[in-house]
């Protein structure tokens, strides 16, 4: 049987029987489920290009921060630091590379 992580209020809003609902047993499983959910949500965004899907990606990223012992504000601080050091993507630079691509 396939299992997937759902938002906290989904069990209230959708008819889900108790036998089809459980909580992640520990942080390790929760991290795995969040990683799978991140892949799912990014895929949905890539397919639709809708801002609602980006909001779902952000929700998963914030949950990942929590399970990894950080706060979303920590993530924002790191993001700002990297942007200050390396810039953003406003200028839309594209480089030609050979071999393996890396961020």
PDB file of N, CA and C in Angstrom:
ATOM      1  N   UNK A   1       0.831  -1.181   0.000  1.00  0.00           N
ATOM      2  CA  UNK A   1       0.000   0.000   0.000  1.00  0.00           C
ATOM      3  C   UNK A   1       0.878   1.248   0.000  1.00  0.00           C
ATOM      4  N   UNK A   2       0.516   2.233  -0.772  1.00  0.00           N
ATOM      5  CA  UNK A   2       1.236   3.492  -0.878  1.00  0.00           C
ATOM      6  C   UNK A   2       0.886   4.403   0.290  1.00  0.00           C
ATOM      7  N   UNK A   3       1.881   5.071   0.854  1.00  0.00           N
ATOM      8  CA  UNK A   3       1.654   6.038   1.921  1.00  0.00           C
ATOM      9  C   UNK A   3       2.270   7.368   1.517  1.00  0.00           C
ATOM     10  N   UNK A   4       1.629   8.462   1.943  1.00  0.00           N
ATOM     11  CA  UNK A   4       2.215   9.767   1.699  1.00  0.00           C
ATOM     12  C   UNK A   4       1.837  10.705   2.829  1.00  0.00           C
ATOM     13  N   UNK A   5       2.700  11.655   3.055  1.00  0.00           N
ATOM     14  CA  UNK A   5       2.490  12.661   4.076  1.00  0.00           C
ATOM     15  C   UNK A   5       1.429  13.645   3.609  1.00  0.00           C
ATOM     16  N   UNK A   6       0.528  14.020   4.520  1.00  0.00           N
ATOM     17  CA  UNK A   6      -0.501  15.015   4.197  1.00  0.00           C
ATOM     18  C   UNK A   6      -0.463  16.121   5.242  1.00  0.00           C
ATOM     19  N   UNK A   7      -1.029  17.259   4.877  1.00  0.00           N
ATOM     20  CA  UNK A   7      -1.105  18.390   5.796  1.00  0.00           C
ATOM     21  C   UNK A   7      -1.960  18.025   7.014  1.00  0.00           C
ATOM     22  N   UNK A   8      -1.736  18.748   8.107  1.00  0.00           N
ATOM     23  CA  UNK A   8      -2.354  18.431   9.394  1.00  0.00           C
ATOM     24  C   UNK A   8      -3.881  18.394   9.385  1.00  0.00           C
ATOM     25  N   UNK A   9      -4.498  19.226   8.592  1.00  0.00           N
ATOM     26  CA  UNK A   9      -5.963  19.294   8.634  1.00  0.00           C
ATOM     27  C   UNK A   9      -6.648  18.356   7.645  1.00  0.00           C
ATOM     28  N   UNK A  10      -5.895  17.693   6.789  1.00  0.00           N
ATOM     29  CA  UNK A  10      -6.499  16.794   5.797  1.00  0.00           C
ATOM     30  C   UNK A  10      -7.362  15.717   6.444  1.00  0.00           C
ATOM     31  N   UNK A  11      -6.934  15.082   7.545  1.00  0.00           N
ATOM     32  CA  UNK A  11      -7.807  14.065   8.163  1.00  0.00           C
ATOM     33  C   UNK A  11      -9.146  14.624   8.650  1.00  0.00           C
ATOM     34  N   UNK A  12      -9.182  15.914   9.021  1.00  0.00           N
ATOM     35  CA  UNK A  12     -10.444  16.539   9.430  1.00  0.00           C
ATOM     36  C   UNK A  12     -11.346  16.821   8.232  1.00  0.00           C
ATOM     37  N   UNK A  13     -10.730  17.166   7.117  1.00  0.00           N
ATOM     38  CA  UNK A  13     -11.468  17.651   5.955  1.00  0.00           C
ATOM     39  C   UNK A  13     -11.856  16.570   4.960  1.00  0.00           C
ATOM     40  N   UNK A  14     -11.185  15.435   5.016  1.00  0.00           N
ATOM     41  CA  UNK A  14     -11.459  14.348   4.073  1.00  0.00           C
ATOM     42  C   UNK A  14     -11.836  13.093   4.859  1.00  0.00           C
ATOM     43  N   UNK A  15     -12.720  12.305   4.318  1.00  0.00           N
ATOM     44  CA  UNK A  15     -13.099  11.070   5.016  1.00  0.00           C
ATOM     45  C   UNK A  15     -11.985  10.017   4.928  1.00  0.00           C
ATOM     46  N   UNK A  16     -11.191   9.923   5.983  1.00  0.00           N
ATOM     47  CA  UNK A  16     -10.093   8.957   6.048  1.00  0.00           C
ATOM     48  C   UNK A  16     -10.326   8.069   7.261  1.00  0.00           C
ATOM     49  N   UNK A  17     -10.381   6.784   7.031  1.00  0.00           N
ATOM     50  CA  UNK A  17     -10.622   5.865   8.148  1.00  0.00           C
ATOM     51  C   UNK A  17      -9.373   5.763   9.024  1.00  0.00           C
ATOM     52  N   UNK A  18      -9.586   5.418  10.283  1.00  0.00           N
ATOM     53  CA  UNK A  18      -8.474   5.291  11.232  1.00  0.00           C
ATOM     54  C   UNK A  18      -7.434   4.271  10.769  1.00  0.00           C
ATOM     55  N   UNK A  19      -7.883   3.228  10.077  1.00  0.00           N
ATOM     56  CA  UNK A  19      -6.929   2.208   9.632  1.00  0.00           C
ATOM     57  C   UNK A  19      -6.029   2.709   8.493  1.00  0.00           C
ATOM     58  N   UNK A  20      -6.426   3.811   7.857  1.00  0.00           N
ATOM     59  CA  UNK A  20      -5.623   4.392   6.775  1.00  0.00           C
ATOM     60  C   UNK A  20      -4.888   5.658   7.202  1.00  0.00           C
ATOM     61  N   UNK A  21      -4.822   5.895   8.509  1.00  0.00           N
ATOM     62  CA  UNK A  21      -4.178   7.096   9.021  1.00  0.00           C
ATOM     63  C   UNK A  21      -3.232   6.723  10.148  1.00  0.00           C
ATOM     64  N   UNK A  22      -2.037   7.257  10.093  1.00  0.00           N
ATOM     65  CA  UNK A  22      -1.075   7.072  11.177  1.00  0.00           C
ATOM     66  C   UNK A  22      -0.137   8.271  11.194  1.00  0.00           C
ATOM     67  N   UNK A  23       0.638   8.393  12.216  1.00  0.00           N
ATOM     68  CA  UNK A  23       1.647   9.450  12.310  1.00  0.00           C
ATOM     69  C   UNK A  23       3.018   8.839  12.049  1.00  0.00           C
ATOM     70  N   UNK A  24       3.913   9.653  11.530  1.00  0.00           N
ATOM     71  CA  UNK A  24       5.298   9.197  11.359  1.00  0.00           C
ATOM     72  C   UNK A  24       5.829   8.765  12.718  1.00  0.00           C
ATOM     73  N   UNK A  25       6.530   7.631  12.738  1.00  0.00           N
ATOM     74  CA  UNK A  25       6.909   7.040  14.023  1.00  0.00           C
ATOM     75  C   UNK A  25       8.060   7.762  14.720  1.00  0.00           C
ATOM     76  N   UNK A  26       8.908   8.438  13.947  1.00  0.00           N
ATOM     77  CA  UNK A  26      10.035   9.151  14.550  1.00  0.00           C
ATOM     78  C   UNK A  26      10.567  10.192  13.559  1.00  0.00           C
ATOM     79  N   UNK A  27      11.557  10.973  14.000  1.00  0.00           N
ATOM     80  CA  UNK A  27      12.109  12.028  13.142  1.00  0.00           C
ATOM     81  C   UNK A  27      12.740  11.476  11.873  1.00  0.00           C
ATOM     82  N   UNK A  28      13.347  10.319  11.966  1.00  0.00           N
ATOM     83  CA  UNK A  28      13.985   9.723  10.782  1.00  0.00           C
ATOM     84  C   UNK A  28      12.941   9.427   9.694  1.00  0.00           C
ATOM     85  N   UNK A  29      11.830   8.796  10.090  1.00  0.00           N
ATOM     86  CA  UNK A  29      10.774   8.519   9.114  1.00  0.00           C
ATOM     87  C   UNK A  29      10.141   9.823   8.621  1.00  0.00           C
ATOM     88  N   UNK A  30       9.928  10.779   9.539  1.00  0.00           N
ATOM     89  CA  UNK A  30       9.338  12.058   9.153  1.00  0.00           C
ATOM     90  C   UNK A  30      10.225  12.766   8.130  1.00  0.00           C
ATOM     91  N   UNK A  31      11.545  12.742   8.339  1.00  0.00           N
ATOM     92  CA  UNK A  31      12.482  13.345   7.390  1.00  0.00           C
ATOM     93  C   UNK A  31      12.369  12.668   6.022  1.00  0.00           C
ATOM     94  N   UNK A  32      12.304  11.362   6.007  1.00  0.00           N
ATOM     95  CA  UNK A  32      12.153  10.628   4.745  1.00  0.00           C
ATOM     96  C   UNK A  32      10.851  11.015   4.048  1.00  0.00           C
ATOM     97  N   UNK A  33       9.764  11.056   4.805  1.00  0.00           N
ATOM     98  CA  UNK A  33       8.465  11.423   4.225  1.00  0.00           C
ATOM     99  C   UNK A  33       8.461  12.858   3.711  1.00  0.00           C
ATOM    100  N   UNK A  34       9.125  13.755   4.436  1.00  0.00           N
ATOM    101  CA  UNK A  34       9.221  15.145   3.972  1.00  0.00           C
ATOM    102  C   UNK A  34      10.040  15.255   2.690  1.00  0.00           C
ATOM    103  N   UNK A  35      11.103  14.484   2.598  1.00  0.00           N
ATOM    104  CA  UNK A  35      11.914  14.496   1.364  1.00  0.00           C
ATOM    105  C   UNK A  35      11.073  14.016   0.172  1.00  0.00           C
ATOM    106  N   UNK A  36      10.302  12.968   0.376  1.00  0.00           N
ATOM    107  CA  UNK A  36       9.419  12.476  -0.681  1.00  0.00           C
ATOM    108  C   UNK A  36       8.359  13.522  -1.028  1.00  0.00           C
ATOM    109  N   UNK A  37       7.821  14.184   0.001  1.00  0.00           N
ATOM    110  CA  UNK A  37       6.807  15.218  -0.222  1.00  0.00           C
ATOM    111  C   UNK A  37       7.404  16.401  -0.978  1.00  0.00           C
ATOM    112  N   UNK A  38       8.630  16.760  -0.661  1.00  0.00           N
ATOM    113  CA  UNK A  38       9.305  17.845  -1.372  1.00  0.00           C
ATOM    114  C   UNK A  38       9.439  17.513  -2.852  1.00  0.00           C
ATOM    115  N   UNK A  39       9.833  16.294  -3.156  1.00  0.00           N
ATOM    116  CA  UNK A  39       9.933  15.851  -4.543  1.00  0.00           C
ATOM    117  C   UNK A  39       8.575  15.927  -5.234  1.00  0.00           C
ATOM    118  N   UNK A  40       7.529  15.475  -4.542  1.00  0.00           N
ATOM    119  CA  UNK A  40       6.174  15.522  -5.090  1.00  0.00           C
ATOM    120  C   UNK A  40       5.755  16.960  -5.388  1.00  0.00           C
ATOM    121  N   UNK A  41       5.951  17.852  -4.414  1.00  0.00           N
ATOM    122  CA  UNK A  41       5.505  19.238  -4.576  1.00  0.00           C
ATOM    123  C   UNK A  41       6.311  19.983  -5.643  1.00  0.00           C
ATOM    124  N   UNK A  42       7.613  19.747  -5.704  1.00  0.00           N
ATOM    125  CA  UNK A  42       8.425  20.373  -6.759  1.00  0.00           C
ATOM    126  C   UNK A  42       7.963  19.874  -8.119  1.00  0.00           C
ATOM    127  N   UNK A  43       7.686  18.587  -8.227  1.00  0.00           N
ATOM    128  CA  UNK A  43       7.179  18.031  -9.483  1.00  0.00           C
ATOM    129  C   UNK A  43       5.863  18.673  -9.888  1.00  0.00           C
ATOM    130  N   UNK A  44       4.975  18.877  -8.916  1.00  0.00           N
ATOM    131  CA  UNK A  44       3.695  19.525  -9.221  1.00  0.00           C
ATOM    132  C   UNK A  44       3.904  20.963  -9.680  1.00  0.00           C
ATOM    133  N   UNK A  45       4.863  21.665  -9.063  1.00  0.00           N
ATOM    134  CA  UNK A  45       5.151  23.026  -9.516  1.00  0.00           C
ATOM    135  C   UNK A  45       5.723  23.016 -10.934  1.00  0.00           C
ATOM    136  N   UNK A  46       6.666  22.130 -11.196  1.00  0.00           N
ATOM    137  CA  UNK A  46       7.285  22.074 -12.525  1.00  0.00           C
ATOM    138  C   UNK A  46       6.249  21.782 -13.604  1.00  0.00           C
ATOM    139  N   UNK A  47       5.255  20.998 -13.253  1.00  0.00           N
ATOM    140  CA  UNK A  47       4.199  20.669 -14.206  1.00  0.00           C
ATOM    141  C   UNK A  47       3.225  21.830 -14.407  1.00  0.00           C
ATOM    142  N   UNK A  48       2.885  22.528 -13.322  1.00  0.00           N
ATOM    143  CA  UNK A  48       1.824  23.534 -13.405  1.00  0.00           C
ATOM    144  C   UNK A  48       2.320  24.979 -13.447  1.00  0.00           C
ATOM    145  N   UNK A  49       3.491  25.231 -12.874  1.00  0.00           N
ATOM    146  CA  UNK A  49       4.042  26.588 -12.723  1.00  0.00           C
ATOM    147  C   UNK A  49       3.088  27.513 -11.965  1.00  0.00           C
ATOM    148  N   UNK A  50       2.339  26.950 -11.017  1.00  0.00           N
ATOM    149  CA  UNK A  50       1.383  27.735 -10.234  1.00  0.00           C
ATOM    150  C   UNK A  50       1.989  28.124  -8.887  1.00  0.00           C
ATOM    151  N   UNK A  51       1.712  29.347  -8.459  1.00  0.00           N
ATOM    152  CA  UNK A  51       2.245  29.840  -7.196  1.00  0.00           C
ATOM    153  C   UNK A  51       1.716  29.024  -6.017  1.00  0.00           C
ATOM    154  N   UNK A  52       0.536  28.438  -6.148  1.00  0.00           N
ATOM    155  CA  UNK A  52      -0.001  27.592  -5.078  1.00  0.00           C
ATOM    156  C   UNK A  52       0.910  26.396  -4.817  1.00  0.00           C
ATOM    157  N   UNK A  53       1.497  25.879  -5.870  1.00  0.00           N
ATOM    158  CA  UNK A  53       2.420  24.749  -5.702  1.00  0.00           C
ATOM    159  C   UNK A  53       3.719  25.202  -5.051  1.00  0.00           C
ATOM    160  N   UNK A  54       4.158  26.423  -5.357  1.00  0.00           N
ATOM    161  CA  UNK A  54       5.344  26.959  -4.674  1.00  0.00           C
ATOM    162  C   UNK A  54       5.065  27.130  -3.185  1.00  0.00           C
ATOM    163  N   UNK A  55       3.837  27.515  -2.841  1.00  0.00           N
ATOM    164  CA  UNK A  55       3.464  27.629  -1.428  1.00  0.00           C
ATOM    165  C   UNK A  55       3.567  26.268  -0.740  1.00  0.00           C
ATOM    166  N   UNK A  56       3.173  25.214  -1.441  1.00  0.00           N
ATOM    167  CA  UNK A  56       3.304  23.860  -0.882  1.00  0.00           C
ATOM    168  C   UNK A  56       4.774  23.492  -0.691  1.00  0.00           C
ATOM    169  N   UNK A  57       5.616  23.853  -1.651  1.00  0.00           N
ATOM    170  CA  UNK A  57       7.056  23.603  -1.529  1.00  0.00           C
ATOM    171  C   UNK A  57       7.581  24.317  -0.286  1.00  0.00           C
ATOM    172  N   UNK A  58       7.194  25.568  -0.117  1.00  0.00           N
ATOM    173  CA  UNK A  58       7.644  26.348   1.035  1.00  0.00           C
ATOM    174  C   UNK A  58       7.182  25.725   2.347  1.00  0.00           C
ATOM    175  N   UNK A  59       5.962  25.232   2.393  1.00  0.00           N
ATOM    176  CA  UNK A  59       5.446  24.577   3.607  1.00  0.00           C
ATOM    177  C   UNK A  59       6.295  23.355   3.959  1.00  0.00           C
ATOM    178  N   UNK A  60       6.663  22.577   2.959  1.00  0.00           N
ATOM    179  CA  UNK A  60       7.506  21.399   3.194  1.00  0.00           C
ATOM    180  C   UNK A  60       8.897  21.828   3.644  1.00  0.00           C
ATOM    181  N   UNK A  61       9.452  22.860   3.022  1.00  0.00           N
ATOM    182  CA  UNK A  61      10.777  23.351   3.408  1.00  0.00           C
ATOM    183  C   UNK A  61      10.765  23.811   4.868  1.00  0.00           C
ATOM    184  N   UNK A  62       9.706  24.504   5.274  1.00  0.00           N
ATOM    185  CA  UNK A  62       9.611  24.938   6.669  1.00  0.00           C
ATOM    186  C   UNK A  62       9.524  23.745   7.620  1.00  0.00           C
ATOM    187  N   UNK A  63       8.794  22.718   7.237  1.00  0.00           N
ATOM    188  CA  UNK A  63       8.719  21.508   8.066  1.00  0.00           C
ATOM    189  C   UNK A  63      10.082  20.819   8.131  1.00  0.00           C
ATOM    190  N   UNK A  64      10.805  20.814   7.014  1.00  0.00           N
ATOM    191  CA  UNK A  64      12.153  20.243   6.999  1.00  0.00           C
ATOM    192  C   UNK A  64      13.072  20.995   7.956  1.00  0.00           C
ATOM    193  N   UNK A  65      12.964  22.306   7.980  1.00  0.00           N
ATOM    194  CA  UNK A  65      13.754  23.097   8.934  1.00  0.00           C
ATOM    195  C   UNK A  65      13.506  22.598  10.345  1.00  0.00           C
ATOM    196  N   UNK A  66      12.242  22.411  10.696  1.00  0.00           N
ATOM    197  CA  UNK A  66      11.906  21.974  12.045  1.00  0.00           C
ATOM    198  C   UNK A  66      12.497  20.626  12.396  1.00  0.00           C
ATOM    199  N   UNK A  67      12.367  19.668  11.501  1.00  0.00           N
ATOM    200  CA  UNK A  67      12.873  18.322  11.806  1.00  0.00           C
ATOM    201  C   UNK A  67      14.408  18.289  11.824  1.00  0.00           C
ATOM    202  N   UNK A  68      15.026  19.244  11.139  1.00  0.00           N
ATOM    203  CA  UNK A  68      16.490  19.330  11.130  1.00  0.00           C
ATOM    204  C   UNK A  68      17.020  20.220  12.255  1.00  0.00           C
ATOM    205  N   UNK A  69      16.110  20.720  13.102  1.00  0.00           N
ATOM    206  CA  UNK A  69      16.527  21.507  14.257  1.00  0.00           C
ATOM    207  C   UNK A  69      16.752  22.977  13.978  1.00  0.00           C
ATOM    208  N   UNK A  70      16.201  23.480  12.900  1.00  0.00           N
ATOM    209  CA  UNK A  70      16.335  24.891  12.545  1.00  0.00           C
ATOM    210  C   UNK A  70      14.961  25.544  12.511  1.00  0.00           C
ATOM    211  N   UNK A  71      14.978  26.839  12.401  1.00  0.00           N
ATOM    212  CA  UNK A  71      13.759  27.625  12.236  1.00  0.00           C
ATOM    213  C   UNK A  71      13.745  28.193  10.824  1.00  0.00           C
ATOM    214  N   UNK A  72      12.561  28.479  10.280  1.00  0.00           N
ATOM    215  CA  UNK A  72      12.518  29.154   8.980  1.00  0.00           C
ATOM    216  C   UNK A  72      13.335  30.443   8.961  1.00  0.00           C
ATOM    217  N   UNK A  73      13.417  31.127  10.106  1.00  0.00           N
ATOM    218  CA  UNK A  73      14.226  32.354  10.171  1.00  0.00           C
ATOM    219  C   UNK A  73      15.712  32.043   9.967  1.00  0.00           C
ATOM    220  N   UNK A  74      16.170  30.863  10.413  1.00  0.00           N
ATOM    221  CA  UNK A  74      17.553  30.452  10.161  1.00  0.00           C
ATOM    222  C   UNK A  74      17.788  30.287   8.661  1.00  0.00           C
ATOM    223  N   UNK A  75      16.821  29.665   8.007  1.00  0.00           N
ATOM    224  CA  UNK A  75      16.912  29.468   6.560  1.00  0.00           C
ATOM    225  C   UNK A  75      16.967  30.812   5.842  1.00  0.00           C
ATOM    226  N   UNK A  76      16.130  31.742   6.261  1.00  0.00           N
ATOM    227  CA  UNK A  76      16.115  33.074   5.655  1.00  0.00           C
ATOM    228  C   UNK A  76      17.446  33.781   5.873  1.00  0.00           C
ATOM    229  N   UNK A  77      18.036  33.629   7.048  1.00  0.00           N
ATOM    230  CA  UNK A  77      19.333  34.232   7.336  1.00  0.00           C
ATOM    231  C   UNK A  77      20.418  33.668   6.409  1.00  0.00           C
ATOM    232  N   UNK A  78      20.422  32.345   6.220  1.00  0.00           N
ATOM    233  CA  UNK A  78      21.402  31.714   5.319  1.00  0.00           C
ATOM    234  C   UNK A  78      21.158  32.165   3.885  1.00  0.00           C
ATOM    235  N   UNK A  79      19.887  32.222   3.474  1.00  0.00           N
ATOM    236  CA  UNK A  79      19.534  32.681   2.128  1.00  0.00           C
ATOM    237  C   UNK A  79      20.059  34.093   1.892  1.00  0.00           C
ATOM    238  N   UNK A  80      19.827  34.979   2.857  1.00  0.00           N
ATOM    239  CA  UNK A  80      20.263  36.372   2.738  1.00  0.00           C
ATOM    240  C   UNK A  80      21.782  36.460   2.659  1.00  0.00           C
ATOM    241  N   UNK A  81      22.455  35.673   3.475  1.00  0.00           N
ATOM    242  CA  UNK A  81      23.923  35.657   3.461  1.00  0.00           C
ATOM    243  C   UNK A  81      24.455  35.197   2.102  1.00  0.00           C
ATOM    244  N   UNK A  82      23.862  34.140   1.568  1.00  0.00           N
ATOM    245  CA  UNK A  82      24.300  33.645   0.254  1.00  0.00           C
ATOM    246  C   UNK A  82      24.009  34.664  -0.843  1.00  0.00           C
ATOM    247  N   UNK A  83      22.864  35.322  -0.739  1.00  0.00           N
ATOM    248  CA  UNK A  83      22.521  36.331  -1.750  1.00  0.00           C
ATOM    249  C   UNK A  83      23.483  37.508  -1.667  1.00  0.00           C
ATOM    250  N   UNK A  84      23.828  37.928  -0.454  1.00  0.00           N
ATOM    251  CA  UNK A  84      24.790  39.018  -0.294  1.00  0.00           C
ATOM    252  C   UNK A  84      26.148  38.645  -0.886  1.00  0.00           C
ATOM    253  N   UNK A  85      26.557  37.394  -0.694  1.00  0.00           N
ATOM    254  CA  UNK A  85      27.866  36.934  -1.147  1.00  0.00           C
ATOM    255  C   UNK A  85      27.891  36.611  -2.639  1.00  0.00           C
ATOM    256  N   UNK A  86      26.840  35.945  -3.135  1.00  0.00           N
ATOM    257  CA  UNK A  86      26.844  35.434  -4.505  1.00  0.00           C
ATOM    258  C   UNK A  86      25.850  36.118  -5.436  1.00  0.00           C
ATOM    259  N   UNK A  87      24.935  36.888  -4.851  1.00  0.00           N
ATOM    260  CA  UNK A  87      23.884  37.514  -5.643  1.00  0.00           C
ATOM    261  C   UNK A  87      22.683  36.596  -5.764  1.00  0.00           C
ATOM    262  N   UNK A  88      21.666  37.111  -6.437  1.00  0.00           N
ATOM    263  CA  UNK A  88      20.453  36.334  -6.681  1.00  0.00           C
ATOM    264  C   UNK A  88      20.416  35.897  -8.136  1.00  0.00           C
ATOM    265  N   UNK A  89      19.246  35.950  -8.710  1.00  0.00           N
ATOM    266  CA  UNK A  89      19.077  35.570 -10.113  1.00  0.00           C
ATOM    267  C   UNK A  89      18.427  36.689 -10.923  1.00  0.00           C
ATOM    268  N   UNK A  90      18.441  37.904 -10.370  1.00  0.00           N
ATOM    269  CA  UNK A  90      17.792  39.024 -11.032  1.00  0.00           C
ATOM    270  C   UNK A  90      18.370  39.321 -12.410  1.00  0.00           C
ATOM    271  N   UNK A  91      19.674  39.158 -12.571  1.00  0.00           N
ATOM    272  CA  UNK A  91      20.339  39.510 -13.831  1.00  0.00           C
ATOM    273  C   UNK A  91      20.270  38.390 -14.868  1.00  0.00           C
ATOM    274  N   UNK A  92      19.746  37.248 -14.483  1.00  0.00           N
ATOM    275  CA  UNK A  92      19.454  36.128 -15.391  1.00  0.00           C
ATOM    276  C   UNK A  92      20.673  35.617 -16.169  1.00  0.00           C
ATOM    277  N   UNK A  93      21.844  35.660 -15.547  1.00  0.00           N
ATOM    278  CA  UNK A  93      23.047  35.154 -16.196  1.00  0.00           C
ATOM    279  C   UNK A  93      22.930  33.657 -16.460  1.00  0.00           C
ATOM    280  N   UNK A  94      23.438  33.229 -17.608  1.00  0.00           N
ATOM    281  CA  UNK A  94      23.507  31.820 -17.981  1.00  0.00           C
ATOM    282  C   UNK A  94      24.937  31.572 -18.439  1.00  0.00           C
ATOM    283  N   UNK A  95      25.543  30.497 -17.950  1.00  0.00           N
ATOM    284  CA  UNK A  95      26.903  30.176 -18.393  1.00  0.00           C
ATOM    285  C   UNK A  95      26.894  28.877 -19.178  1.00  0.00           C
ATOM    286  N   UNK A  96      27.857  28.729 -20.045  1.00  0.00           N
ATOM    287  CA  UNK A  96      28.037  27.509 -20.814  1.00  0.00           C
ATOM    288  C   UNK A  96      29.036  26.646 -20.045  1.00  0.00           C
ATOM    289  N   UNK A  97      28.669  25.403 -19.789  1.00  0.00           N
ATOM    290  CA  UNK A  97      29.543  24.491 -19.042  1.00  0.00           C
ATOM    291  C   UNK A  97      29.648  23.167 -19.785  1.00  0.00           C
ATOM    292  N   UNK A  98      30.696  22.453 -19.482  1.00  0.00           N
ATOM    293  CA  UNK A  98      30.824  21.106 -20.036  1.00  0.00           C
ATOM    294  C   UNK A  98      30.883  20.136 -18.863  1.00  0.00           C
ATOM    295  N   UNK A  99      30.363  18.947 -19.067  1.00  0.00           N
ATOM    296  CA  UNK A  99      30.371  17.947 -18.013  1.00  0.00           C
ATOM    297  C   UNK A  99      29.219  18.122 -17.049  1.00  0.00           C
ATOM    298  N   UNK A 100      29.449  17.772 -15.783  1.00  0.00           N
ATOM    299  CA  UNK A 100      28.427  17.751 -14.743  1.00  0.00           C
ATOM    300  C   UNK A 100      28.041  19.163 -14.318  1.00  0.00           C
ATOM    301  N   UNK A 101      26.726  19.400 -14.244  1.00  0.00           N
ATOM    302  CA  UNK A 101      26.230  20.678 -13.767  1.00  0.00           C
ATOM    303  C   UNK A 101      26.181  20.683 -12.251  1.00  0.00           C
ATOM    304  N   UNK A 102      26.543  21.799 -11.649  1.00  0.00           N
ATOM    305  CA  UNK A 102      26.471  21.954 -10.200  1.00  0.00           C
ATOM    306  C   UNK A 102      25.923  23.331  -9.896  1.00  0.00           C
ATOM    307  N   UNK A 103      25.188  23.443  -8.778  1.00  0.00           N
ATOM    308  CA  UNK A 103      24.636  24.738  -8.377  1.00  0.00           C
ATOM    309  C   UNK A 103      25.771  25.633  -7.984  1.00  0.00           C
TER     310      UNK A 103
END
